Amino acid sequence: MAYSFGTATGLADLLDKFKTFCEGQSYATDSYITEGTGKRWHAHHSHGTYVNFRAYINETPNTSAFYNYSNGLYGLAFNVGTGYSAATAWHAQPGVPVGTSSRYPTAGIAKIVGAIPNYHFFASNGGANILAVIEFSAGNYQWFGWGNLNKIGAWTGERYFLGSRMGTASDVAFVNNYLSGIGFFSCNDSYLTYSNSFVDVAVDGETGWHYGENNYSGYNQTTRRVCDNFRQFQSQLDNVPNVSTGRTPHMPVRVEVYRDTSSSYSQSTRNDIGIMPDVVYISMKAFTPGQQITLGSANYRVFPFFAKGASRDYSYSSPINSGYYGFAVKE
């Protein structure tokens, strides 16, 4: 494992420091340039993963390429593919999820206007798995990352990428919607699914990227969606510490794919496909955001999904909290 933390003066500085961290984890930069008033970065890892980033800093892209938003954007958007082309738009690189003329699928973080109090970068599996947790204002967090699942069973695929904001660069800039996802991969609960997740999995004849359940419509989507097991653990996480042991439970992030293509997406049709490495779900009730804890023989850092609070705030006001729901990342 590798872990780095620090502060950043803004989005451009954050991307520059994140680039340096990734290069230290065997990523080779294909391009790092100024685009508009922001930055554009492309890099690849020896595992074959290519990442494509765009930092938007008070920019107004052509609205035909975005969804219903034309004001200045502040956010960091990215996707994952299989190659790099200097002549191609940042979001349309080889092997990325397929979008439409009005929307393209990415993940990222939102509304990072000023200085960043703290960032936390994590890498595992020789750098193939990356997770970034950003405290963008005091006590408020967002996150993004990518990597390879630890497979359950034999299937084609394994790559994933995700972020705490919805997909396109316009989606990462809504001024009055700071609601962050609870659960890394979307689940069937409208109050828990404001993350954006993608898994490369072949299932029932569908190949390529499969999208989280609550993604915005408008993508050229595969019909079978992915999600995780967060909701199955809510009761355990709601009752901590455990009355018998006095301990806080930690639950693996188990990723599933629906075999059902109907709108109901019945839980009974979900199959386990893999575990997100080096991350567990945990209650923040007994912990301070960013605190180091020990699970087994390893050290972890704990974070809320958005902001720690006694109860979840379902409104779209700013800021809101994610109750005691959180996660721990292995250092």
C-alpha atoms as a PDB file:
ATOM      1  CA  MET A   1       0.000   0.000   0.000  1.00  0.00           C
ATOM      2  CA  ALA A   2       0.959   3.638  -0.539  1.00  0.00           C
ATOM      3  CA  TYR A   3      -0.592   6.631   1.207  1.00  0.00           C
ATOM      4  CA  SER A   4      -0.079  10.367   0.823  1.00  0.00           C
ATOM      5  CA  PHE A   5      -1.860  13.363   2.272  1.00  0.00           C
ATOM      6  CA  GLY A   6      -1.591  17.118   2.112  1.00  0.00           C
ATOM      7  CA  THR A   7      -3.330  20.325   1.058  1.00  0.00           C
ATOM      8  CA  ALA A   8      -3.919  21.969  -2.309  1.00  0.00           C
ATOM      9  CA  THR A   9      -4.512  25.550  -3.376  1.00  0.00           C
ATOM     10  CA  GLY A  10      -7.263  24.542  -5.809  1.00  0.00           C
ATOM     11  CA  LEU A  11      -8.296  22.091  -8.511  1.00  0.00           C
ATOM     12  CA  ALA A  12      -5.259  22.586 -10.734  1.00  0.00           C
ATOM     13  CA  ASP A  13      -2.910  22.089  -7.806  1.00  0.00           C
ATOM     14  CA  LEU A  14      -4.885  19.035  -6.666  1.00  0.00           C
ATOM     15  CA  LEU A  15      -4.620  17.421 -10.097  1.00  0.00           C
ATOM     16  CA  ASP A  16      -0.911  18.228 -10.251  1.00  0.00           C
ATOM     17  CA  LYS A  17      -0.275  16.563  -6.869  1.00  0.00           C
ATOM     18  CA  PHE A  18      -2.485  13.605  -7.753  1.00  0.00           C
ATOM     19  CA  LYS A  19      -0.564  13.175 -11.019  1.00  0.00           C
ATOM     20  CA  THR A  20       2.722  13.129  -9.077  1.00  0.00           C
ATOM     21  CA  PHE A  21       1.323  10.533  -6.667  1.00  0.00           C
ATOM     22  CA  CYS A  22       0.145   8.284  -9.501  1.00  0.00           C
ATOM     23  CA  GLU A  23       3.469   8.575 -11.310  1.00  0.00           C
ATOM     24  CA  GLY A  24       5.055   7.253  -8.139  1.00  0.00           C
ATOM     25  CA  GLN A  25       2.736   4.231  -8.462  1.00  0.00           C
ATOM     26  CA  SER A  26       3.982   3.221 -11.949  1.00  0.00           C
ATOM     27  CA  TYR A  27       1.692   5.442 -14.041  1.00  0.00           C
ATOM     28  CA  ALA A  28       3.256   6.955 -17.157  1.00  0.00           C
ATOM     29  CA  THR A  29       1.878  10.321 -18.254  1.00  0.00           C
ATOM     30  CA  ASP A  30       0.775  10.433 -21.903  1.00  0.00           C
ATOM     31  CA  SER A  31      -0.242  14.097 -21.838  1.00  0.00           C
ATOM     32  CA  TYR A  32      -0.574  16.899 -19.280  1.00  0.00           C
ATOM     33  CA  ILE A  33      -1.652  20.200 -20.754  1.00  0.00           C
ATOM     34  CA  THR A  34      -3.672  23.322 -20.106  1.00  0.00           C
ATOM     35  CA  GLU A  35      -7.090  23.137 -21.724  1.00  0.00           C
ATOM     36  CA  GLY A  36      -9.395  26.111 -21.377  1.00  0.00           C
ATOM     37  CA  THR A  37      -8.715  27.591 -17.956  1.00  0.00           C
ATOM     38  CA  GLY A  38      -8.288  24.095 -16.506  1.00  0.00           C
ATOM     39  CA  LYS A  39      -6.053  21.082 -16.939  1.00  0.00           C
ATOM     40  CA  ARG A  40      -6.173  17.834 -18.906  1.00  0.00           C
ATOM     41  CA  TRP A  41      -4.226  14.721 -17.916  1.00  0.00           C
ATOM     42  CA  HIS A  42      -3.899  11.294 -19.557  1.00  0.00           C
ATOM     43  CA  ALA A  43      -1.840   8.447 -18.111  1.00  0.00           C
ATOM     44  CA  HIS A  44      -1.577   4.663 -18.195  1.00  0.00           C
ATOM     45  CA  HIS A  45      -0.430   1.849 -15.927  1.00  0.00           C
ATOM     46  CA  SER A  46       1.437  -1.326 -16.808  1.00  0.00           C
ATOM     47  CA  HIS A  47      -1.735  -3.299 -15.983  1.00  0.00           C
ATOM     48  CA  GLY A  48      -3.238  -1.782 -19.146  1.00  0.00           C
ATOM     49  CA  THR A  49      -5.499   0.805 -17.517  1.00  0.00           C
ATOM     50  CA  TYR A  50      -5.668   4.273 -19.094  1.00  0.00           C
ATOM     51  CA  VAL A  51      -7.104   7.189 -17.119  1.00  0.00           C
ATOM     52  CA  ASN A  52      -8.395  10.444 -18.597  1.00  0.00           C
ATOM     53  CA  PHE A  53      -8.879  13.539 -16.412  1.00  0.00           C
ATOM     54  CA  ARG A  54     -10.225  17.030 -16.949  1.00  0.00           C
ATOM     55  CA  ALA A  55     -10.158  19.773 -14.295  1.00  0.00           C
ATOM     56  CA  TYR A  56     -12.811  22.411 -15.081  1.00  0.00           C
ATOM     57  CA  ILE A  57     -12.067  25.792 -13.505  1.00  0.00           C
ATOM     58  CA  ASN A  58     -14.861  28.322 -14.019  1.00  0.00           C
ATOM     59  CA  GLU A  59     -15.476  27.085 -17.551  1.00  0.00           C
ATOM     60  CA  THR A  60     -18.502  26.959 -19.786  1.00  0.00           C
ATOM     61  CA  PRO A  61     -18.103  24.182 -22.351  1.00  0.00           C
ATOM     62  CA  ASN A  62     -20.319  23.884 -25.386  1.00  0.00           C
ATOM     63  CA  THR A  63     -23.715  22.965 -23.947  1.00  0.00           C
ATOM     64  CA  SER A  64     -24.287  20.450 -26.751  1.00  0.00           C
ATOM     65  CA  ALA A  65     -21.653  18.288 -25.068  1.00  0.00           C
ATOM     66  CA  PHE A  66     -23.205  18.559 -21.616  1.00  0.00           C
ATOM     67  CA  TYR A  67     -26.526  18.056 -19.922  1.00  0.00           C
ATOM     68  CA  ASN A  68     -28.666  21.101 -19.233  1.00  0.00           C
ATOM     69  CA  TYR A  69     -25.925  23.267 -17.767  1.00  0.00           C
ATOM     70  CA  SER A  70     -24.115  26.257 -19.229  1.00  0.00           C
ATOM     71  CA  ASN A  71     -22.723  28.242 -16.313  1.00  0.00           C
ATOM     72  CA  GLY A  72     -19.111  28.206 -15.149  1.00  0.00           C
ATOM     73  CA  LEU A  73     -18.034  24.741 -14.034  1.00  0.00           C
ATOM     74  CA  TYR A  74     -15.757  23.808 -11.144  1.00  0.00           C
ATOM     75  CA  GLY A  75     -15.059  20.111 -10.902  1.00  0.00           C
ATOM     76  CA  LEU A  76     -12.820  17.190 -11.694  1.00  0.00           C
ATOM     77  CA  ALA A  77     -14.171  14.601 -14.128  1.00  0.00           C
ATOM     78  CA  PHE A  78     -12.522  11.409 -15.375  1.00  0.00           C
ATOM     79  CA  ASN A  79     -13.051   8.043 -17.002  1.00  0.00           C
ATOM     80  CA  VAL A  80     -11.073   4.872 -17.687  1.00  0.00           C
ATOM     81  CA  GLY A  81     -10.232   3.310 -21.041  1.00  0.00           C
ATOM     82  CA  THR A  82      -7.798   1.099 -22.914  1.00  0.00           C
ATOM     83  CA  GLY A  83      -5.675   3.538 -24.921  1.00  0.00           C
ATOM     84  CA  TYR A  84      -4.708   7.128 -25.620  1.00  0.00           C
ATOM     85  CA  SER A  85      -5.227   9.312 -28.677  1.00  0.00           C
ATOM     86  CA  ALA A  86      -3.863  12.863 -28.714  1.00  0.00           C
ATOM     87  CA  ALA A  87      -6.285  13.795 -31.486  1.00  0.00           C
ATOM     88  CA  THR A  88      -9.381  12.715 -29.531  1.00  0.00           C
ATOM     89  CA  ALA A  89     -11.400  14.653 -26.938  1.00  0.00           C
ATOM     90  CA  TRP A  90     -10.392  13.900 -23.359  1.00  0.00           C
ATOM     91  CA  HIS A  91     -13.640  12.063 -22.589  1.00  0.00           C
ATOM     92  CA  ALA A  92     -13.799  10.005 -25.808  1.00  0.00           C
ATOM     93  CA  GLN A  93     -10.581   8.014 -25.563  1.00  0.00           C
ATOM     94  CA  PRO A  94     -10.382   4.350 -26.672  1.00  0.00           C
ATOM     95  CA  GLY A  95     -12.255   1.862 -24.508  1.00  0.00           C
ATOM     96  CA  VAL A  96     -14.165   4.318 -22.307  1.00  0.00           C
ATOM     97  CA  PRO A  97     -17.912   3.928 -21.598  1.00  0.00           C
ATOM     98  CA  VAL A  98     -20.009   4.983 -24.574  1.00  0.00           C
ATOM     99  CA  GLY A  99     -22.114   8.114 -24.200  1.00  0.00           C
ATOM    100  CA  THR A 100     -24.395  10.144 -26.409  1.00  0.00           C
ATOM    101  CA  SER A 101     -24.062  13.438 -28.274  1.00  0.00           C
ATOM    102  CA  SER A 102     -25.534  15.277 -25.263  1.00  0.00           C
ATOM    103  CA  ARG A 103     -23.849  13.377 -22.456  1.00  0.00           C
ATOM    104  CA  TYR A 104     -20.772  11.290 -21.868  1.00  0.00           C
ATOM    105  CA  PRO A 105     -20.196   8.984 -18.910  1.00  0.00           C
ATOM    106  CA  THR A 106     -17.553  10.048 -16.404  1.00  0.00           C
ATOM    107  CA  ALA A 107     -17.152  10.156 -12.644  1.00  0.00           C
ATOM    108  CA  GLY A 108     -15.574  12.805 -10.466  1.00  0.00           C
ATOM    109  CA  ILE A 109     -15.965  15.387  -7.734  1.00  0.00           C
ATOM    110  CA  ALA A 110     -17.926  18.619  -7.636  1.00  0.00           C
ATOM    111  CA  LYS A 111     -17.792  22.318  -6.941  1.00  0.00           C
ATOM    112  CA  ILE A 112     -14.201  22.560  -5.736  1.00  0.00           C
ATOM    113  CA  VAL A 113     -13.969  26.342  -5.900  1.00  0.00           C
ATOM    114  CA  GLY A 114     -11.287  27.311  -3.385  1.00  0.00           C
ATOM    115  CA  ALA A 115      -8.379  25.869  -1.465  1.00  0.00           C
ATOM    116  CA  ILE A 116      -8.576  22.224  -0.409  1.00  0.00           C
ATOM    117  CA  PRO A 117      -7.950  21.681   3.333  1.00  0.00           C
ATOM    118  CA  ASN A 118      -6.910  18.043   2.983  1.00  0.00           C
ATOM    119  CA  TYR A 119      -6.487  15.325   0.411  1.00  0.00           C
ATOM    120  CA  HIS A 120      -5.778  11.635   1.016  1.00  0.00           C
ATOM    121  CA  PHE A 121      -4.404   9.461  -1.802  1.00  0.00           C
ATOM    122  CA  PHE A 122      -4.268   5.651  -1.531  1.00  0.00           C
ATOM    123  CA  ALA A 123      -2.774   3.050  -3.863  1.00  0.00           C
ATOM    124  CA  SER A 124      -2.629  -0.757  -3.711  1.00  0.00           C
ATOM    125  CA  ASN A 125      -1.940  -3.742  -5.980  1.00  0.00           C
ATOM    126  CA  GLY A 126       1.189  -2.112  -7.348  1.00  0.00           C
ATOM    127  CA  GLY A 127      -0.742   1.058  -8.125  1.00  0.00           C
ATOM    128  CA  ALA A 128      -3.508  -0.649 -10.099  1.00  0.00           C
ATOM    129  CA  ASN A 129      -6.049   0.390  -7.444  1.00  0.00           C
ATOM    130  CA  ILE A 130      -6.285   4.098  -6.633  1.00  0.00           C
ATOM    131  CA  LEU A 131      -8.645   5.924  -4.283  1.00  0.00           C
ATOM    132  CA  ALA A 132      -8.602   9.673  -3.570  1.00  0.00           C
ATOM    133  CA  VAL A 133     -10.565  11.196  -0.685  1.00  0.00           C
ATOM    134  CA  ILE A 134     -10.892  14.982  -0.797  1.00  0.00           C
ATOM    135  CA  GLU A 135     -11.896  17.191   2.135  1.00  0.00           C
ATOM    136  CA  PHE A 136     -13.004  20.112  -0.015  1.00  0.00           C
ATOM    137  CA  SER A 137     -14.216  22.229   2.908  1.00  0.00           C
ATOM    138  CA  ALA A 138     -13.971  21.696   6.647  1.00  0.00           C
ATOM    139  CA  GLY A 139     -15.635  18.355   7.487  1.00  0.00           C
ATOM    140  CA  ASN A 140     -17.031  17.811   3.959  1.00  0.00           C
ATOM    141  CA  TYR A 141     -15.665  15.003   1.782  1.00  0.00           C
ATOM    142  CA  GLN A 142     -15.843  13.671  -1.764  1.00  0.00           C
ATOM    143  CA  TRP A 143     -13.965  10.778  -3.366  1.00  0.00           C
ATOM    144  CA  PHE A 144     -13.077   9.065  -6.621  1.00  0.00           C
ATOM    145  CA  GLY A 145     -11.033   6.095  -7.747  1.00  0.00           C
ATOM    146  CA  TRP A 146     -10.518   3.131 -10.006  1.00  0.00           C
ATOM    147  CA  GLY A 147      -8.945  -0.306 -10.093  1.00  0.00           C
ATOM    148  CA  ASN A 148      -9.561  -4.035 -10.405  1.00  0.00           C
ATOM    149  CA  LEU A 149     -12.025  -6.014  -8.326  1.00  0.00           C
ATOM    150  CA  ASN A 150     -10.964  -9.142  -6.492  1.00  0.00           C
ATOM    151  CA  LYS A 151     -13.117 -11.534  -8.482  1.00  0.00           C
ATOM    152  CA  ILE A 152     -15.701 -13.889  -7.053  1.00  0.00           C
ATOM    153  CA  GLY A 153     -15.904 -16.733  -9.539  1.00  0.00           C
ATOM    154  CA  ALA A 154     -14.706 -16.718 -13.135  1.00  0.00           C
ATOM    155  CA  TRP A 155     -15.877 -13.994 -15.503  1.00  0.00           C
ATOM    156  CA  THR A 156     -14.419 -11.631 -18.079  1.00  0.00           C
ATOM    157  CA  GLY A 157     -13.595  -8.111 -16.919  1.00  0.00           C
ATOM    158  CA  GLU A 158     -12.712  -6.758 -13.444  1.00  0.00           C
ATOM    159  CA  ARG A 159     -12.002  -3.048 -13.953  1.00  0.00           C
ATOM    160  CA  TYR A 160     -14.079  -0.383 -12.204  1.00  0.00           C
ATOM    161  CA  PHE A 161     -14.090   3.362 -11.708  1.00  0.00           C
ATOM    162  CA  LEU A 162     -16.290   5.546  -9.547  1.00  0.00           C
ATOM    163  CA  GLY A 163     -16.791   8.938  -7.976  1.00  0.00           C
ATOM    164  CA  SER A 164     -19.009  10.644  -5.448  1.00  0.00           C
ATOM    165  CA  ARG A 165     -20.604  12.836  -8.115  1.00  0.00           C
ATOM    166  CA  MET A 166     -22.752  12.057 -11.103  1.00  0.00           C
ATOM    167  CA  GLY A 167     -21.154  11.655 -14.457  1.00  0.00           C
ATOM    168  CA  THR A 168     -20.634  14.537 -16.872  1.00  0.00           C
ATOM    169  CA  ALA A 169     -18.730  17.712 -16.217  1.00  0.00           C
ATOM    170  CA  SER A 170     -22.037  19.562 -16.011  1.00  0.00           C
ATOM    171  CA  ASP A 171     -23.266  17.103 -13.412  1.00  0.00           C
ATOM    172  CA  VAL A 172     -20.261  17.818 -11.208  1.00  0.00           C
ATOM    173  CA  ALA A 173     -21.127  21.501 -10.990  1.00  0.00           C
ATOM    174  CA  PHE A 174     -24.681  21.844  -9.663  1.00  0.00           C
ATOM    175  CA  VAL A 175     -24.437  24.695  -7.176  1.00  0.00           C
ATOM    176  CA  ASN A 176     -27.236  23.631  -4.830  1.00  0.00           C
ATOM    177  CA  ASN A 177     -26.788  19.856  -4.934  1.00  0.00           C
ATOM    178  CA  TYR A 178     -23.969  18.731  -2.699  1.00  0.00           C
ATOM    179  CA  LEU A 179     -25.562  15.367  -1.973  1.00  0.00           C
ATOM    180  CA  SER A 180     -22.822  12.774  -2.000  1.00  0.00           C
ATOM    181  CA  GLY A 181     -23.280   9.068  -2.521  1.00  0.00           C
ATOM    182  CA  ILE A 182     -23.534   6.606   0.332  1.00  0.00           C
ATOM    183  CA  GLY A 183     -22.140   3.387  -1.023  1.00  0.00           C
ATOM    184  CA  PHE A 184     -19.446   3.235  -3.687  1.00  0.00           C
ATOM    185  CA  PHE A 185     -21.596   1.433  -6.255  1.00  0.00           C
ATOM    186  CA  SER A 186     -25.190   2.500  -6.749  1.00  0.00           C
ATOM    187  CA  CYS A 187     -27.931   0.633  -4.894  1.00  0.00           C
ATOM    188  CA  ASN A 188     -31.704   0.741  -5.159  1.00  0.00           C
ATOM    189  CA  ASP A 189     -32.412   3.575  -2.732  1.00  0.00           C
ATOM    190  CA  SER A 190     -32.878   7.038  -4.167  1.00  0.00           C
ATOM    191  CA  TYR A 191     -31.384   8.643  -1.059  1.00  0.00           C
ATOM    192  CA  LEU A 192     -28.232   6.542  -1.240  1.00  0.00           C
ATOM    193  CA  THR A 193     -27.360   6.590  -4.911  1.00  0.00           C
ATOM    194  CA  TYR A 194     -25.737   9.837  -5.904  1.00  0.00           C
ATOM    195  CA  SER A 195     -22.463   8.154  -6.681  1.00  0.00           C
ATOM    196  CA  ASN A 196     -21.421   7.241 -10.188  1.00  0.00           C
ATOM    197  CA  SER A 197     -19.959   3.785 -10.789  1.00  0.00           C
ATOM    198  CA  PHE A 198     -18.859   1.655 -13.726  1.00  0.00           C
ATOM    199  CA  VAL A 199     -17.724  -1.981 -13.884  1.00  0.00           C
ATOM    200  CA  ASP A 200     -16.295  -3.805 -16.899  1.00  0.00           C
ATOM    201  CA  VAL A 201     -18.049  -7.179 -16.778  1.00  0.00           C
ATOM    202  CA  ALA A 202     -19.319  -9.681 -19.323  1.00  0.00           C
ATOM    203  CA  VAL A 203     -22.692 -11.102 -18.298  1.00  0.00           C
ATOM    204  CA  ASP A 204     -25.475 -12.820 -20.288  1.00  0.00           C
ATOM    205  CA  GLY A 205     -23.929 -11.803 -23.606  1.00  0.00           C
ATOM    206  CA  GLU A 206     -23.410  -8.168 -22.589  1.00  0.00           C
ATOM    207  CA  THR A 207     -19.770  -7.107 -22.610  1.00  0.00           C
ATOM    208  CA  GLY A 208     -17.974  -3.940 -21.586  1.00  0.00           C
ATOM    209  CA  TRP A 209     -18.896  -1.247 -19.090  1.00  0.00           C
ATOM    210  CA  HIS A 210     -21.973  -1.748 -16.933  1.00  0.00           C
ATOM    211  CA  TYR A 211     -23.288   1.221 -15.027  1.00  0.00           C
ATOM    212  CA  GLY A 212     -24.506   1.849 -11.500  1.00  0.00           C
ATOM    213  CA  GLU A 213     -28.227   1.591 -10.993  1.00  0.00           C
ATOM    214  CA  ASN A 214     -29.054   5.214 -10.373  1.00  0.00           C
ATOM    215  CA  ASN A 215     -26.964   6.828 -13.115  1.00  0.00           C
ATOM    216  CA  TYR A 216     -28.659   9.495 -15.135  1.00  0.00           C
ATOM    217  CA  SER A 217     -30.521   8.295 -18.195  1.00  0.00           C
ATOM    218  CA  GLY A 218     -29.174   9.110 -21.630  1.00  0.00           C
ATOM    219  CA  TYR A 219     -26.150   6.854 -21.819  1.00  0.00           C
ATOM    220  CA  ASN A 220     -25.992   4.014 -24.316  1.00  0.00           C
ATOM    221  CA  GLN A 221     -26.405   1.680 -21.385  1.00  0.00           C
ATOM    222  CA  THR A 222     -26.123  -2.025 -21.044  1.00  0.00           C
ATOM    223  CA  THR A 223     -29.376  -3.291 -19.555  1.00  0.00           C
ATOM    224  CA  ARG A 224     -27.912  -5.134 -16.581  1.00  0.00           C
ATOM    225  CA  ARG A 225     -26.803  -2.784 -13.816  1.00  0.00           C
ATOM    226  CA  VAL A 226     -24.178  -3.077 -11.093  1.00  0.00           C
ATOM    227  CA  CYS A 227     -24.565  -2.225  -7.422  1.00  0.00           C
ATOM    228  CA  ASP A 228     -23.034  -3.159  -4.084  1.00  0.00           C
ATOM    229  CA  ASN A 229     -24.123  -4.616  -0.753  1.00  0.00           C
ATOM    230  CA  PHE A 230     -24.244  -1.412   1.287  1.00  0.00           C
ATOM    231  CA  ARG A 231     -27.984  -1.620   1.988  1.00  0.00           C
ATOM    232  CA  GLN A 232     -27.599  -5.150   3.315  1.00  0.00           C
ATOM    233  CA  PHE A 233     -25.260  -3.812   5.991  1.00  0.00           C
ATOM    234  CA  GLN A 234     -27.265  -0.764   7.025  1.00  0.00           C
ATOM    235  CA  SER A 235     -28.803  -2.429  10.082  1.00  0.00           C
ATOM    236  CA  GLN A 236     -25.375  -3.484  11.374  1.00  0.00           C
ATOM    237  CA  LEU A 237     -23.905  -0.049  10.749  1.00  0.00           C
ATOM    238  CA  ASP A 238     -26.900   1.643  12.375  1.00  0.00           C
ATOM    239  CA  ASN A 239     -26.352  -0.247  15.633  1.00  0.00           C
ATOM    240  CA  VAL A 240     -22.817   0.444  16.766  1.00  0.00           C
ATOM    241  CA  PRO A 241     -20.936  -0.231  18.820  1.00  0.00           C
ATOM    242  CA  ASN A 242     -22.146  -3.817  18.962  1.00  0.00           C
ATOM    243  CA  VAL A 243     -23.894  -4.377  22.299  1.00  0.00           C
ATOM    244  CA  SER A 244     -22.239  -7.775  22.770  1.00  0.00           C
ATOM    245  CA  THR A 245     -18.655  -7.022  21.748  1.00  0.00           C
ATOM    246  CA  GLY A 246     -18.450  -3.232  22.038  1.00  0.00           C
ATOM    247  CA  ARG A 247     -16.850  -3.187  18.606  1.00  0.00           C
ATOM    248  CA  THR A 248     -17.633  -1.353  15.387  1.00  0.00           C
ATOM    249  CA  PRO A 249     -18.289  -3.805  12.544  1.00  0.00           C
ATOM    250  CA  HIS A 250     -16.566  -3.406   9.196  1.00  0.00           C
ATOM    251  CA  MET A 251     -18.084  -4.854   6.048  1.00  0.00           C
ATOM    252  CA  PRO A 252     -16.443  -5.658   2.697  1.00  0.00           C
ATOM    253  CA  VAL A 253     -17.616  -3.773  -0.380  1.00  0.00           C
ATOM    254  CA  ARG A 254     -19.097  -6.658  -2.349  1.00  0.00           C
ATOM    255  CA  VAL A 255     -20.040  -5.733  -5.923  1.00  0.00           C
ATOM    256  CA  GLU A 256     -23.006  -7.381  -7.629  1.00  0.00           C
ATOM    257  CA  VAL A 257     -24.603  -7.412 -11.070  1.00  0.00           C
ATOM    258  CA  TYR A 258     -28.300  -7.725 -11.791  1.00  0.00           C
ATOM    259  CA  ARG A 259     -29.311 -10.585 -14.067  1.00  0.00           C
ATOM    260  CA  ASP A 260     -32.743  -8.977 -14.325  1.00  0.00           C
ATOM    261  CA  THR A 261     -33.333  -6.337 -17.020  1.00  0.00           C
ATOM    262  CA  SER A 262     -36.765  -5.184 -15.842  1.00  0.00           C
ATOM    263  CA  SER A 263     -37.313  -1.834 -14.167  1.00  0.00           C
ATOM    264  CA  SER A 264     -37.830  -3.532 -10.804  1.00  0.00           C
ATOM    265  CA  TYR A 265     -34.253  -4.820 -10.562  1.00  0.00           C
ATOM    266  CA  SER A 266     -35.180  -7.411  -7.965  1.00  0.00           C
ATOM    267  CA  GLN A 267     -32.526  -8.095  -5.334  1.00  0.00           C
ATOM    268  CA  SER A 268     -33.098 -11.815  -5.855  1.00  0.00           C
ATOM    269  CA  THR A 269     -31.581 -11.570  -9.346  1.00  0.00           C
ATOM    270  CA  ARG A 270     -28.200 -10.171  -8.197  1.00  0.00           C
ATOM    271  CA  ASN A 271     -24.985 -12.174  -8.494  1.00  0.00           C
ATOM    272  CA  ASP A 272     -21.758 -11.422  -6.615  1.00  0.00           C
ATOM    273  CA  ILE A 273     -18.891 -10.632  -8.955  1.00  0.00           C
ATOM    274  CA  GLY A 274     -16.125  -9.187  -6.795  1.00  0.00           C
ATOM    275  CA  ILE A 275     -14.792  -7.325  -3.773  1.00  0.00           C
ATOM    276  CA  MET A 276     -13.431  -3.777  -3.877  1.00  0.00           C
ATOM    277  CA  PRO A 277      -9.867  -4.185  -2.567  1.00  0.00           C
ATOM    278  CA  ASP A 278      -8.582  -2.588   0.637  1.00  0.00           C
ATOM    279  CA  VAL A 279     -11.781  -0.699   1.487  1.00  0.00           C
ATOM    280  CA  VAL A 280     -14.544  -1.574   3.979  1.00  0.00           C
ATOM    281  CA  TYR A 281     -17.813   0.025   5.036  1.00  0.00           C
ATOM    282  CA  ILE A 282     -17.824   1.234   8.618  1.00  0.00           C
ATOM    283  CA  SER A 283     -19.792   3.414  11.026  1.00  0.00           C
ATOM    284  CA  MET A 284     -18.202   6.778  11.809  1.00  0.00           C
ATOM    285  CA  LYS A 285     -20.047   7.082  15.121  1.00  0.00           C
ATOM    286  CA  ALA A 286     -16.970   6.419  17.251  1.00  0.00           C
ATOM    287  CA  PHE A 287     -14.409   7.974  14.915  1.00  0.00           C
ATOM    288  CA  THR A 288     -13.129  11.329  13.692  1.00  0.00           C
ATOM    289  CA  PRO A 289     -12.852  11.827   9.906  1.00  0.00           C
ATOM    290  CA  GLY A 290      -9.315  11.045   8.770  1.00  0.00           C
ATOM    291  CA  GLN A 291      -8.542   9.102  11.957  1.00  0.00           C
ATOM    292  CA  GLN A 292      -6.176   6.162  11.718  1.00  0.00           C
ATOM    293  CA  ILE A 293      -7.533   2.884  13.109  1.00  0.00           C
ATOM    294  CA  THR A 294      -6.274  -0.696  13.144  1.00  0.00           C
ATOM    295  CA  LEU A 295      -8.312  -3.544  11.674  1.00  0.00           C
ATOM    296  CA  GLY A 296      -6.613  -6.877  12.183  1.00  0.00           C
ATOM    297  CA  SER A 297      -2.915  -6.216  11.589  1.00  0.00           C
ATOM    298  CA  ALA A 298      -3.347  -3.304   9.163  1.00  0.00           C
ATOM    299  CA  ASN A 299      -3.837   0.432   9.560  1.00  0.00           C
ATOM    300  CA  TYR A 300      -6.778   2.177   7.908  1.00  0.00           C
ATOM    301  CA  ARG A 301      -8.051   5.743   7.584  1.00  0.00           C
ATOM    302  CA  VAL A 302     -11.761   6.369   8.157  1.00  0.00           C
ATOM    303  CA  PHE A 303     -13.966   8.882   6.343  1.00  0.00           C
ATOM    304  CA  PRO A 304     -17.660   9.785   6.117  1.00  0.00           C
ATOM    305  CA  PHE A 305     -19.292   9.456   2.735  1.00  0.00           C
ATOM    306  CA  PHE A 306     -19.959  13.176   2.792  1.00  0.00           C
ATOM    307  CA  ALA A 307     -19.987  14.738   6.271  1.00  0.00           C
ATOM    308  CA  LYS A 308     -20.352  13.095   9.660  1.00  0.00           C
ATOM    309  CA  GLY A 309     -23.618  13.849  11.409  1.00  0.00           C
ATOM    310  CA  ALA A 310     -26.106  12.319  13.809  1.00  0.00           C
ATOM    311  CA  SER A 311     -28.644  11.750  11.034  1.00  0.00           C
ATOM    312  CA  ARG A 312     -28.717  11.874   7.266  1.00  0.00           C
ATOM    313  CA  ASP A 313     -30.004  15.022   5.600  1.00  0.00           C
ATOM    314  CA  TYR A 314     -31.950  14.122   2.466  1.00  0.00           C
ATOM    315  CA  SER A 315     -32.345  17.693   1.220  1.00  0.00           C
ATOM    316  CA  TYR A 316     -30.451  19.277  -1.635  1.00  0.00           C
ATOM    317  CA  SER A 317     -29.232  22.160   0.484  1.00  0.00           C
ATOM    318  CA  SER A 318     -25.585  22.861   1.106  1.00  0.00           C
ATOM    319  CA  PRO A 319     -23.945  21.385   3.048  1.00  0.00           C
ATOM    320  CA  ILE A 320     -25.656  18.146   4.042  1.00  0.00           C
ATOM    321  CA  ASN A 321     -24.435  15.150   5.989  1.00  0.00           C
ATOM    322  CA  SER A 322     -24.295  11.392   5.494  1.00  0.00           C
ATOM    323  CA  GLY A 323     -25.030  10.433   9.085  1.00  0.00           C
ATOM    324  CA  TYR A 324     -22.567   7.950  10.548  1.00  0.00           C
ATOM    325  CA  TYR A 325     -22.174   6.026   7.282  1.00  0.00           C
ATOM    326  CA  GLY A 326     -18.572   5.884   6.161  1.00  0.00           C
ATOM    327  CA  PHE A 327     -15.688   3.789   4.943  1.00  0.00           C
ATOM    328  CA  ALA A 328     -12.143   2.833   5.897  1.00  0.00           C
ATOM    329  CA  VAL A 329      -9.235   2.653   3.445  1.00  0.00           C
ATOM    330  CA  LYS A 330      -6.131   0.574   4.054  1.00  0.00           C
ATOM    331  CA  GLU A 331      -2.935   2.601   4.253  1.00  0.00           C
END
